PDB file of N, CA and C in Angstrom:
ATOM      1  N   MET A   1     -31.618  28.513   5.652  1.00  0.00           N
ATOM      2  CA  MET A   1     -30.557  27.561   5.313  1.00  0.00           C
ATOM      3  C   MET A   1     -30.295  26.742   6.296  1.00  0.00           C
ATOM      4  N   ASN A   2     -30.366  25.274   6.200  1.00  0.00           N
ATOM      5  CA  ASN A   2     -30.114  24.202   7.031  1.00  0.00           C
ATOM      6  C   ASN A   2     -28.736  24.119   7.277  1.00  0.00           C
ATOM      7  N   LYS A   3     -28.573  23.764   8.765  1.00  0.00           N
ATOM      8  CA  LYS A   3     -26.905  23.455   9.196  1.00  0.00           C
ATOM      9  C   LYS A   3     -26.825  22.083   8.740  1.00  0.00           C
ATOM     10  N   ALA A   4     -25.675  22.379   7.978  1.00  0.00           N
ATOM     11  CA  ALA A   4     -24.614  20.588   7.979  1.00  0.00           C
ATOM     12  C   ALA A   4     -24.862  19.879   8.785  1.00  0.00           C
ATOM     13  N   GLU A   5     -24.866  18.726   8.891  1.00  0.00           N
ATOM     14  CA  GLU A   5     -24.973  17.660   9.993  1.00  0.00           C
ATOM     15  C   GLU A   5     -23.478  17.200   9.751  1.00  0.00           C
ATOM     16  N   TYR A   6     -22.942  17.539   8.581  1.00  0.00           N
ATOM     17  CA  TYR A   6     -21.611  16.862   8.281  1.00  0.00           C
ATOM     18  C   TYR A   6     -20.245  17.593   7.251  1.00  0.00           C
ATOM     19  N   ASP A   7     -19.171  17.428   8.136  1.00  0.00           N
ATOM     20  CA  ASP A   7     -18.063  18.360   7.244  1.00  0.00           C
ATOM     21  C   ASP A   7     -17.469  17.121   6.859  1.00  0.00           C
ATOM     22  N   LEU A   8     -16.809  17.859   5.663  1.00  0.00           N
ATOM     23  CA  LEU A   8     -15.458  17.030   5.065  1.00  0.00           C
ATOM     24  C   LEU A   8     -14.397  17.663   5.453  1.00  0.00           C
ATOM     25  N   ILE A   9     -13.730  16.888   6.364  1.00  0.00           N
ATOM     26  CA  ILE A   9     -12.525  17.333   6.713  1.00  0.00           C
ATOM     27  C   ILE A   9     -11.041  16.789   5.444  1.00  0.00           C
ATOM     28  N   VAL A  10     -10.672  17.949   5.008  1.00  0.00           N
ATOM     29  CA  VAL A  10      -9.092  18.094   4.383  1.00  0.00           C
ATOM     30  C   VAL A  10      -7.851  17.796   4.548  1.00  0.00           C
ATOM     31  N   THR A  11      -7.365  17.131   4.746  1.00  0.00           N
ATOM     32  CA  THR A  11      -6.081  16.971   5.047  1.00  0.00           C
ATOM     33  C   THR A  11      -4.714  17.173   4.181  1.00  0.00           C
ATOM     34  N   ILE A  12      -4.279  17.873   3.921  1.00  0.00           N
ATOM     35  CA  ILE A  12      -2.741  17.211   2.530  1.00  0.00           C
ATOM     36  C   ILE A  12      -1.490  17.657   3.595  1.00  0.00           C
ATOM     37  N   VAL A  13      -0.379  16.432   3.394  1.00  0.00           N
ATOM     38  CA  VAL A  13       0.594  16.485   4.102  1.00  0.00           C
ATOM     39  C   VAL A  13       1.916  15.854   3.064  1.00  0.00           C
ATOM     40  N   ASN A  14       2.473  15.733   3.292  1.00  0.00           N
ATOM     41  CA  ASN A  14       3.751  15.406   2.737  1.00  0.00           C
ATOM     42  C   ASN A  14       4.047  13.808   2.875  1.00  0.00           C
ATOM     43  N   GLN A  15       4.261  12.965   1.511  1.00  0.00           N
ATOM     44  CA  GLN A  15       3.812  11.608   1.675  1.00  0.00           C
ATOM     45  C   GLN A  15       4.733  10.947   3.020  1.00  0.00           C
ATOM     46  N   GLY A  16       3.605   9.920   3.222  1.00  0.00           N
ATOM     47  CA  GLY A  16       4.240   9.467   4.556  1.00  0.00           C
ATOM     48  C   GLY A  16       3.985  10.029   5.743  1.00  0.00           C
ATOM     49  N   TYR A  17       3.410  10.491   6.005  1.00  0.00           N
ATOM     50  CA  TYR A  17       2.463  11.541   7.156  1.00  0.00           C
ATOM     51  C   TYR A  17       1.070  10.953   7.011  1.00  0.00           C
ATOM     52  N   SER A  18      -0.061  10.251   6.356  1.00  0.00           N
ATOM     53  CA  SER A  18      -1.449   9.676   6.377  1.00  0.00           C
ATOM     54  C   SER A  18      -1.470   8.852   7.601  1.00  0.00           C
ATOM     55  N   ASP A  19      -0.640   8.283   7.718  1.00  0.00           N
ATOM     56  CA  ASP A  19      -0.524   7.269   9.276  1.00  0.00           C
ATOM     57  C   ASP A  19      -0.888   8.187  10.295  1.00  0.00           C
ATOM     58  N   ASP A  20       0.073   9.639  10.408  1.00  0.00           N
ATOM     59  CA  ASP A  20      -0.450  10.120  11.411  1.00  0.00           C
ATOM     60  C   ASP A  20      -1.551  10.793  12.088  1.00  0.00           C
ATOM     61  N   VAL A  21      -2.060  11.393  10.564  1.00  0.00           N
ATOM     62  CA  VAL A  21      -3.535  12.129  11.035  1.00  0.00           C
ATOM     63  C   VAL A  21      -4.580  11.185  11.323  1.00  0.00           C
ATOM     64  N   MET A  22      -4.424   9.807  10.638  1.00  0.00           N
ATOM     65  CA  MET A  22      -5.550   9.144  10.593  1.00  0.00           C
ATOM     66  C   MET A  22      -5.516   8.801  12.358  1.00  0.00           C
ATOM     67  N   GLU A  23      -4.122   8.715  12.674  1.00  0.00           N
ATOM     68  CA  GLU A  23      -4.512   8.139  14.018  1.00  0.00           C
ATOM     69  C   GLU A  23      -4.681   9.705  15.087  1.00  0.00           C
ATOM     70  N   ALA A  24      -4.391  10.119  14.618  1.00  0.00           N
ATOM     71  CA  ALA A  24      -4.844  10.985  15.276  1.00  0.00           C
ATOM     72  C   ALA A  24      -6.108  11.632  15.546  1.00  0.00           C
ATOM     73  N   ALA A  25      -6.893  11.518  13.864  1.00  0.00           N
ATOM     74  CA  ALA A  25      -7.943  12.232  14.071  1.00  0.00           C
ATOM     75  C   ALA A  25      -9.296  10.296  14.769  1.00  0.00           C
ATOM     76  N   LYS A  26      -8.793   9.621  14.709  1.00  0.00           N
ATOM     77  CA  LYS A  26      -9.351   8.413  15.318  1.00  0.00           C
ATOM     78  C   LYS A  26      -9.027   8.505  16.758  1.00  0.00           C
ATOM     79  N   LYS A  27      -8.475   9.204  17.062  1.00  0.00           N
ATOM     80  CA  LYS A  27      -8.522   9.613  18.971  1.00  0.00           C
ATOM     81  C   LYS A  27      -9.234  10.258  19.129  1.00  0.00           C
ATOM     82  N   ALA A  28      -9.848  11.120  18.025  1.00  0.00           N
ATOM     83  CA  ALA A  28     -10.654  12.573  18.045  1.00  0.00           C
ATOM     84  C   ALA A  28     -12.367  11.840  17.781  1.00  0.00           C
ATOM     85  N   GLY A  29     -12.202  11.082  17.562  1.00  0.00           N
ATOM     86  CA  GLY A  29     -13.598  10.472  17.158  1.00  0.00           C
ATOM     87  C   GLY A  29     -13.953  10.075  15.752  1.00  0.00           C
ATOM     88  N   ALA A  30     -12.898  10.189  14.881  1.00  0.00           N
ATOM     89  CA  ALA A  30     -13.272  10.262  13.526  1.00  0.00           C
ATOM     90  C   ALA A  30     -13.508   8.611  13.186  1.00  0.00           C
ATOM     91  N   TYR A  31     -14.375   8.476  12.467  1.00  0.00           N
ATOM     92  CA  TYR A  31     -14.600   6.701  11.981  1.00  0.00           C
ATOM     93  C   TYR A  31     -13.301   6.090  10.954  1.00  0.00           C
ATOM     94  N   GLY A  32     -13.123   6.685  10.037  1.00  0.00           N
ATOM     95  CA  GLY A  32     -12.314   6.474   8.681  1.00  0.00           C
ATOM     96  C   GLY A  32     -12.084   7.217   7.903  1.00  0.00           C
ATOM     97  N   GLY A  33     -11.381   7.243   7.140  1.00  0.00           N
ATOM     98  CA  GLY A  33     -11.034   7.981   6.128  1.00  0.00           C
ATOM     99  C   GLY A  33     -10.278   7.575   4.864  1.00  0.00           C
ATOM    100  N   THR A  34     -10.430   8.398   4.109  1.00  0.00           N
ATOM    101  CA  THR A  34      -9.758   8.182   2.552  1.00  0.00           C
ATOM    102  C   THR A  34      -8.956   8.552   1.810  1.00  0.00           C
ATOM    103  N   LEU A  35      -7.752   7.700   1.716  1.00  0.00           N
ATOM    104  CA  LEU A  35      -5.929   8.911   0.971  1.00  0.00           C
ATOM    105  C   LEU A  35      -6.053   8.791  -0.276  1.00  0.00           C
ATOM    106  N   ILE A  36      -5.712  10.043  -0.732  1.00  0.00           N
ATOM    107  CA  ILE A  36      -5.756  10.179  -2.531  1.00  0.00           C
ATOM    108  C   ILE A  36      -4.147  10.412  -2.018  1.00  0.00           C
ATOM    109  N   ASN A  37      -3.180   9.962  -3.473  1.00  0.00           N
ATOM    110  CA  ASN A  37      -2.098  10.627  -3.859  1.00  0.00           C
ATOM    111  C   ASN A  37      -2.198  11.573  -4.377  1.00  0.00           C
ATOM    112  N   ALA A  38      -1.355  12.691  -4.122  1.00  0.00           N
ATOM    113  CA  ALA A  38      -1.200  14.001  -5.022  1.00  0.00           C
ATOM    114  C   ALA A  38       0.116  14.071  -5.056  1.00  0.00           C
ATOM    115  N   ARG A  39       0.095  15.507  -5.742  1.00  0.00           N
ATOM    116  CA  ARG A  39       1.613  16.130  -6.128  1.00  0.00           C
ATOM    117  C   ARG A  39       1.831  17.556  -6.002  1.00  0.00           C
ATOM    118  N   GLY A  40       2.044  18.346  -5.043  1.00  0.00           N
ATOM    119  CA  GLY A  40       2.323  19.677  -4.833  1.00  0.00           C
ATOM    120  C   GLY A  40       2.591  20.292  -6.418  1.00  0.00           C
ATOM    121  N   THR A  41       2.355  21.502  -6.210  1.00  0.00           N
ATOM    122  CA  THR A  41       2.607  22.287  -7.058  1.00  0.00           C
ATOM    123  C   THR A  41       3.190  23.552  -6.953  1.00  0.00           C
ATOM    124  N   ALA A  42       3.660  23.557  -5.957  1.00  0.00           N
ATOM    125  CA  ALA A  42       3.707  25.290  -5.235  1.00  0.00           C
ATOM    126  C   ALA A  42       5.779  25.595  -6.112  1.00  0.00           C
ATOM    127  N   SER A  43       5.738  26.314  -6.371  1.00  0.00           N
ATOM    128  CA  SER A  43       6.799  26.350  -7.179  1.00  0.00           C
ATOM    129  C   SER A  43       8.133  26.666  -6.384  1.00  0.00           C
ATOM    130  N   ASN A  44       8.169  26.265  -4.981  1.00  0.00           N
ATOM    131  CA  ASN A  44       8.841  26.742  -3.752  1.00  0.00           C
ATOM    132  C   ASN A  44       9.121  25.572  -3.191  1.00  0.00           C
ATOM    133  N   GLU A  45       8.617  24.408  -4.099  1.00  0.00           N
ATOM    134  CA  GLU A  45       8.555  23.072  -3.448  1.00  0.00           C
ATOM    135  C   GLU A  45       9.744  22.008  -4.146  1.00  0.00           C
ATOM    136  N   TYR A  46       9.263  22.501  -5.581  1.00  0.00           N
ATOM    137  CA  TYR A  46      10.495  21.712  -6.330  1.00  0.00           C
ATOM    138  C   TYR A  46      11.964  21.767  -6.179  1.00  0.00           C
ATOM    139  N   LYS A  47      12.013  20.624  -5.790  1.00  0.00           N
ATOM    140  CA  LYS A  47      13.354  20.421  -6.171  1.00  0.00           C
ATOM    141  C   LYS A  47      14.725  19.961  -6.827  1.00  0.00           C
ATOM    142  N   LYS A  48      15.722  20.235  -7.114  1.00  0.00           N
ATOM    143  CA  LYS A  48      16.517  19.402  -8.478  1.00  0.00           C
ATOM    144  C   LYS A  48      17.220  18.064  -7.036  1.00  0.00           C
ATOM    145  N   PHE A  49      17.146  17.205  -7.876  1.00  0.00           N
ATOM    146  CA  PHE A  49      18.036  15.759  -7.807  1.00  0.00           C
ATOM    147  C   PHE A  49      18.880  15.279  -8.801  1.00  0.00           C
ATOM    148  N   PHE A  50      19.879  15.620  -8.424  1.00  0.00           N
ATOM    149  CA  PHE A  50      21.282  15.113  -9.763  1.00  0.00           C
ATOM    150  C   PHE A  50      20.766  15.808 -11.698  1.00  0.00           C
ATOM    151  N   GLY A  51      20.296  17.453 -11.169  1.00  0.00           N
ATOM    152  CA  GLY A  51      19.982  18.256 -12.400  1.00  0.00           C
ATOM    153  C   GLY A  51      18.445  17.652 -12.733  1.00  0.00           C
ATOM    154  N   THR A  52      17.532  16.606 -12.018  1.00  0.00           N
ATOM    155  CA  THR A  52      16.464  16.685 -12.928  1.00  0.00           C
ATOM    156  C   THR A  52      15.484  17.122 -11.204  1.00  0.00           C
ATOM    157  N   ILE A  53      14.265  17.877 -11.769  1.00  0.00           N
ATOM    158  CA  ILE A  53      13.538  19.070 -11.162  1.00  0.00           C
ATOM    159  C   ILE A  53      12.972  17.319 -10.602  1.00  0.00           C
ATOM    160  N   VAL A  54      12.135  17.447  -9.065  1.00  0.00           N
ATOM    161  CA  VAL A  54      11.787  16.075  -8.446  1.00  0.00           C
ATOM    162  C   VAL A  54      10.564  17.068  -8.355  1.00  0.00           C
ATOM    163  N   GLU A  55       9.192  16.767  -8.479  1.00  0.00           N
ATOM    164  CA  GLU A  55       8.179  17.463  -7.575  1.00  0.00           C
ATOM    165  C   GLU A  55       7.600  16.418  -6.135  1.00  0.00           C
ATOM    166  N   PRO A  56       7.302  17.363  -4.985  1.00  0.00           N
ATOM    167  CA  PRO A  56       7.165  16.578  -3.920  1.00  0.00           C
ATOM    168  C   PRO A  56       5.417  15.620  -3.998  1.00  0.00           C
ATOM    169  N   GLU A  57       5.516  14.851  -3.567  1.00  0.00           N
ATOM    170  CA  GLU A  57       4.506  13.878  -2.540  1.00  0.00           C
ATOM    171  C   GLU A  57       3.987  14.171  -2.080  1.00  0.00           C
ATOM    172  N   LYS A  58       2.351  14.055  -2.549  1.00  0.00           N
ATOM    173  CA  LYS A  58       1.901  14.503  -1.026  1.00  0.00           C
ATOM    174  C   LYS A  58       0.527  13.321  -0.960  1.00  0.00           C
ATOM    175  N   GLU A  59       0.094  13.334   0.402  1.00  0.00           N
ATOM    176  CA  GLU A  59      -0.890  12.605   0.883  1.00  0.00           C
ATOM    177  C   GLU A  59      -2.429  13.168   1.104  1.00  0.00           C
ATOM    178  N   MET A  60      -3.559  12.900   0.589  1.00  0.00           N
ATOM    179  CA  MET A  60      -4.689  14.104   0.851  1.00  0.00           C
ATOM    180  C   MET A  60      -5.660  12.959   1.276  1.00  0.00           C
ATOM    181  N   ILE A  61      -6.158  13.042   2.546  1.00  0.00           N
ATOM    182  CA  ILE A  61      -6.443  12.738   3.340  1.00  0.00           C
ATOM    183  C   ILE A  61      -8.106  13.583   3.644  1.00  0.00           C
ATOM    184  N   LEU A  62      -9.209  12.393   3.215  1.00  0.00           N
ATOM    185  CA  LEU A  62     -10.914  13.058   3.680  1.00  0.00           C
ATOM    186  C   LEU A  62     -11.660  12.352   4.900  1.00  0.00           C
ATOM    187  N   ILE A  63     -11.713  12.880   5.811  1.00  0.00           N
ATOM    188  CA  ILE A  63     -12.550  12.599   6.575  1.00  0.00           C
ATOM    189  C   ILE A  63     -13.756  13.037   6.712  1.00  0.00           C
ATOM    190  N   ILE A  64     -15.037  12.800   6.637  1.00  0.00           N
ATOM    191  CA  ILE A  64     -16.522  13.098   6.404  1.00  0.00           C
ATOM    192  C   ILE A  64     -16.262  12.616   8.031  1.00  0.00           C
ATOM    193  N   ALA A  65     -16.877  14.044   8.894  1.00  0.00           N
ATOM    194  CA  ALA A  65     -17.420  13.691  10.019  1.00  0.00           C
ATOM    195  C   ALA A  65     -18.673  14.677  10.567  1.00  0.00           C
ATOM    196  N   GLU A  66     -19.090  14.145  11.676  1.00  0.00           N
ATOM    197  CA  GLU A  66     -20.222  14.967  12.066  1.00  0.00           C
ATOM    198  C   GLU A  66     -20.135  16.317  12.276  1.00  0.00           C
ATOM    199  N   HIS A  67     -20.328  17.311  12.304  1.00  0.00           N
ATOM    200  CA  HIS A  67     -20.934  18.595  12.078  1.00  0.00           C
ATOM    201  C   HIS A  67     -20.385  18.578  13.608  1.00  0.00           C
ATOM    202  N   GLY A  68     -20.206  18.368  14.693  1.00  0.00           N
ATOM    203  CA  GLY A  68     -20.202  18.283  15.963  1.00  0.00           C
ATOM    204  C   GLY A  68     -18.393  18.260  16.495  1.00  0.00           C
ATOM    205  N   SER A  69     -17.928  16.914  15.790  1.00  0.00           N
ATOM    206  CA  SER A  69     -16.691  16.947  15.929  1.00  0.00           C
ATOM    207  C   SER A  69     -16.001  17.042  15.300  1.00  0.00           C
ATOM    208  N   ARG A  70     -16.002  18.207  14.262  1.00  0.00           N
ATOM    209  CA  ARG A  70     -15.476  18.599  13.304  1.00  0.00           C
ATOM    210  C   ARG A  70     -14.053  19.570  13.817  1.00  0.00           C
ATOM    211  N   ASN A  71     -14.221  19.867  15.020  1.00  0.00           N
ATOM    212  CA  ASN A  71     -13.013  21.036  15.743  1.00  0.00           C
ATOM    213  C   ASN A  71     -12.064  20.002  16.456  1.00  0.00           C
ATOM    214  N   SER A  72     -12.912  19.390  17.287  1.00  0.00           N
ATOM    215  CA  SER A  72     -11.971  18.252  18.034  1.00  0.00           C
ATOM    216  C   SER A  72     -10.636  17.032  16.810  1.00  0.00           C
ATOM    217  N   ILE A  73     -11.262  17.331  15.566  1.00  0.00           N
ATOM    218  CA  ILE A  73     -11.077  16.013  14.722  1.00  0.00           C
ATOM    219  C   ILE A  73      -9.640  16.876  14.321  1.00  0.00           C
ATOM    220  N   MET A  74     -10.277  18.261  13.906  1.00  0.00           N
ATOM    221  CA  MET A  74      -8.915  19.225  13.134  1.00  0.00           C
ATOM    222  C   MET A  74      -7.706  19.430  14.001  1.00  0.00           C
ATOM    223  N   GLU A  75      -8.282  19.380  15.648  1.00  0.00           N
ATOM    224  CA  GLU A  75      -7.348  19.739  16.339  1.00  0.00           C
ATOM    225  C   GLU A  75      -6.218  18.923  16.626  1.00  0.00           C
ATOM    226  N   SER A  76      -6.941  17.768  16.862  1.00  0.00           N
ATOM    227  CA  SER A  76      -6.481  16.478  16.696  1.00  0.00           C
ATOM    228  C   SER A  76      -4.915  16.322  16.145  1.00  0.00           C
ATOM    229  N   ILE A  77      -5.535  16.419  14.917  1.00  0.00           N
ATOM    230  CA  ILE A  77      -4.656  15.964  13.551  1.00  0.00           C
ATOM    231  C   ILE A  77      -4.091  17.334  13.275  1.00  0.00           C
ATOM    232  N   THR A  78      -4.127  18.889  13.808  1.00  0.00           N
ATOM    233  CA  THR A  78      -2.766  19.258  13.928  1.00  0.00           C
ATOM    234  C   THR A  78      -1.892  19.679  14.950  1.00  0.00           C
ATOM    235  N   LYS A  79      -2.554  18.813  15.980  1.00  0.00           N
ATOM    236  CA  LYS A  79      -0.790  18.544  17.004  1.00  0.00           C
ATOM    237  C   LYS A  79      -0.746  17.063  16.686  1.00  0.00           C
ATOM    238  N   GLY A  80      -0.956  16.156  16.141  1.00  0.00           N
ATOM    239  CA  GLY A  80      -0.660  14.556  16.045  1.00  0.00           C
ATOM    240  C   GLY A  80       0.305  14.812  14.622  1.00  0.00           C
ATOM    241  N   ALA A  81       0.234  15.718  13.813  1.00  0.00           N
ATOM    242  CA  ALA A  81       0.461  15.475  12.415  1.00  0.00           C
ATOM    243  C   ALA A  81       1.680  16.231  12.327  1.00  0.00           C
ATOM    244  N   GLY A  82       1.641  17.008  13.699  1.00  0.00           N
ATOM    245  CA  GLY A  82       2.801  18.436  13.725  1.00  0.00           C
ATOM    246  C   GLY A  82       2.435  19.191  12.574  1.00  0.00           C
ATOM    247  N   LEU A  83       1.174  19.832  12.208  1.00  0.00           N
ATOM    248  CA  LEU A  83       0.652  20.855  11.244  1.00  0.00           C
ATOM    249  C   LEU A  83       0.921  22.289  11.330  1.00  0.00           C
ATOM    250  N   SER A  84       1.120  22.544  12.916  1.00  0.00           N
ATOM    251  CA  SER A  84       1.670  23.353  13.085  1.00  0.00           C
ATOM    252  C   SER A  84       3.577  24.614  12.588  1.00  0.00           C
ATOM    253  N   LYS A  85       3.603  23.527  12.774  1.00  0.00           N
ATOM    254  CA  LYS A  85       5.023  23.695  11.996  1.00  0.00           C
ATOM    255  C   LYS A  85       4.494  23.699  10.603  1.00  0.00           C
ATOM    256  N   LYS A  86       5.755  24.802   9.963  1.00  0.00           N
ATOM    257  CA  LYS A  86       5.959  25.456   9.197  1.00  0.00           C
ATOM    258  C   LYS A  86       5.935  24.564   7.467  1.00  0.00           C
ATOM    259  N   GLY A  87       5.275  24.517   6.594  1.00  0.00           N
ATOM    260  CA  GLY A  87       5.469  23.249   5.844  1.00  0.00           C
ATOM    261  C   GLY A  87       4.789  22.388   5.791  1.00  0.00           C
ATOM    262  N   MET A  88       4.506  21.580   7.012  1.00  0.00           N
ATOM    263  CA  MET A  88       4.172  20.160   7.250  1.00  0.00           C
ATOM    264  C   MET A  88       2.672  19.451   6.619  1.00  0.00           C
ATOM    265  N   GLY A  89       2.113  20.917   6.979  1.00  0.00           N
ATOM    266  CA  GLY A  89       0.612  20.725   5.309  1.00  0.00           C
ATOM    267  C   GLY A  89      -0.361  21.372   6.148  1.00  0.00           C
ATOM    268  N   VAL A  90      -1.285  20.878   5.770  1.00  0.00           N
ATOM    269  CA  VAL A  90      -2.756  21.851   6.027  1.00  0.00           C
ATOM    270  C   VAL A  90      -4.267  21.371   6.109  1.00  0.00           C
ATOM    271  N   THR A  91      -4.645  21.208   6.994  1.00  0.00           N
ATOM    272  CA  THR A  91      -6.061  20.636   7.066  1.00  0.00           C
ATOM    273  C   THR A  91      -7.097  21.754   7.156  1.00  0.00           C
ATOM    274  N   PHE A  92      -8.236  21.393   7.062  1.00  0.00           N
ATOM    275  CA  PHE A  92      -9.775  22.782   6.148  1.00  0.00           C
ATOM    276  C   PHE A  92     -11.056  21.709   6.530  1.00  0.00           C
ATOM    277  N   ALA A  93     -11.179  22.840   6.784  1.00  0.00           N
ATOM    278  CA  ALA A  93     -13.378  21.490   6.660  1.00  0.00           C
ATOM    279  C   ALA A  93     -14.122  22.688   5.761  1.00  0.00           C
ATOM    280  N   LEU A  94     -15.273  21.630   4.901  1.00  0.00           N
ATOM    281  CA  LEU A  94     -16.119  22.158   4.249  1.00  0.00           C
ATOM    282  C   LEU A  94     -17.299  21.199   4.495  1.00  0.00           C
ATOM    283  N   PRO A  95     -18.589  21.963   5.013  1.00  0.00           N
ATOM    284  CA  PRO A  95     -19.884  21.711   5.286  1.00  0.00           C
ATOM    285  C   PRO A  95     -20.209  20.775   4.081  1.00  0.00           C
ATOM    286  N   ILE A  96     -21.195  19.231   4.088  1.00  0.00           N
ATOM    287  CA  ILE A  96     -21.367  18.609   3.681  1.00  0.00           C
ATOM    288  C   ILE A  96     -23.167  18.713   3.613  1.00  0.00           C
ATOM    289  N   ASP A  97     -23.953  18.856   2.572  1.00  0.00           N
ATOM    290  CA  ASP A  97     -24.987  19.228   2.740  1.00  0.00           C
ATOM    291  C   ASP A  97     -25.694  18.027   2.436  1.00  0.00           C
ATOM    292  N   ARG A  98     -25.650  17.181   2.088  1.00  0.00           N
ATOM    293  CA  ARG A  98     -26.253  15.832   1.952  1.00  0.00           C
ATOM    294  C   ARG A  98     -25.055  14.604   1.770  1.00  0.00           C
ATOM    295  N   VAL A  99     -25.128  13.495   2.788  1.00  0.00           N
ATOM    296  CA  VAL A  99     -24.306  11.872   2.460  1.00  0.00           C
ATOM    297  C   VAL A  99     -25.475  11.146   2.032  1.00  0.00           C
ATOM    298  N   VAL A 100     -25.463  10.431   1.060  1.00  0.00           N
ATOM    299  CA  VAL A 100     -26.255   8.801   0.757  1.00  0.00           C
ATOM    300  C   VAL A 100     -24.752   8.406   0.674  1.00  0.00           C
ATOM    301  N   GLY A 101     -25.253   6.929   1.465  1.00  0.00           N
ATOM    302  CA  GLY A 101     -24.894   5.685   1.626  1.00  0.00           C
ATOM    303  C   GLY A 101     -23.128   5.577   3.245  1.00  0.00           C
ATOM    304  N   MET A 102     -23.703   6.308   3.746  1.00  0.00           N
ATOM    305  CA  MET A 102     -22.589   6.040   4.963  1.00  0.00           C
ATOM    306  C   MET A 102     -23.462   6.047   6.061  1.00  0.00           C
ATOM    307  N   SER A 103     -22.793   4.735   7.002  1.00  0.00           N
ATOM    308  CA  SER A 103     -23.000   4.723   8.117  1.00  0.00           C
ATOM    309  C   SER A 103     -22.029   4.775   9.130  1.00  0.00           C
ATOM    310  N   SER A 104     -22.423   5.207  10.342  1.00  0.00           N
ATOM    311  CA  SER A 104     -21.434   5.489  11.649  1.00  0.00           C
ATOM    312  C   SER A 104     -21.594   4.127  12.584  1.00  0.00           C
ATOM    313  N   PRO A 105     -20.658   4.370  13.133  1.00  0.00           N
ATOM    314  CA  PRO A 105     -20.541   2.824  14.293  1.00  0.00           C
ATOM    315  C   PRO A 105     -21.988   2.837  14.860  1.00  0.00           C
ATOM    316  N   LYS A 106     -22.705   4.289  15.785  1.00  0.00           N
ATOM    317  CA  LYS A 106     -23.058   4.888  16.057  1.00  0.00           C
ATOM    318  C   LYS A 106     -24.419   3.936  15.540  1.00  0.00           C
ATOM    319  N   GLU A 107     -24.847   4.613  14.476  1.00  0.00           N
ATOM    320  CA  GLU A 107     -25.952   3.739  13.470  1.00  0.00           C
ATOM    321  C   GLU A 107     -26.412   2.456  13.597  1.00  0.00           C
ATOM    322  N   GLU A 108     -24.854   1.823  13.239  1.00  0.00           N
ATOM    323  CA  GLU A 108     -25.251  -0.003  12.965  1.00  0.00           C
ATOM    324  C   GLU A 108     -25.495  -0.230  14.241  1.00  0.00           C
ATOM    325  N   ASN A 109     -24.704   0.299  15.629  1.00  0.00           N
ATOM    326  CA  ASN A 109     -25.332  -0.646  16.791  1.00  0.00           C
ATOM    327  C   ASN A 109     -26.709  -0.600  17.305  1.00  0.00           C
ATOM    328  N   LYS A 110     -27.475   0.686  16.568  1.00  0.00           N
ATOM    329  CA  LYS A 110     -28.813   0.681  16.749  1.00  0.00           C
ATOM    330  C   LYS A 110     -29.328  -0.209  15.816  1.00  0.00           C
ATOM    331  N   ASN A 111     -29.113  -0.745  14.948  1.00  0.00           N
ATOM    332  CA  ASN A 111     -29.703  -1.405  13.929  1.00  0.00           C
ATOM    333  C   ASN A 111     -29.391  -2.846  14.817  1.00  0.00           C
ATOM    334  N   GLU A 112     -28.812  -2.821  15.306  1.00  0.00           N
ATOM    335  CA  GLU A 112     -28.899  -4.382  15.964  1.00  0.00           C
ATOM    336  C   GLU A 112     -29.385  -5.420  17.174  1.00  0.00           C
TER     337      GLU A 112
END
């Protein structure tokens, strides 16, 4: 089995914390990411506001990173976005077996 060159780092945080996630990720070597607005569905997250149930808004940040930098990026995100505190969010990584159409700044500098 081939070892994955890249990993997809997925981080889910409460709305308003995606800038903290990306700042921490970039400090650790990430080139960028994609932000997706999401909504939490865990029953203990529902809150009532004037008798109306409000579902908490979430932000999902997707970062494709080289396999060798995955752990340092995830550790930086955990510290920078406060994910070690209960309820602040979660980050996890999945191996990617193929990437098409993506270049890193290192590759762009080689071609110049």
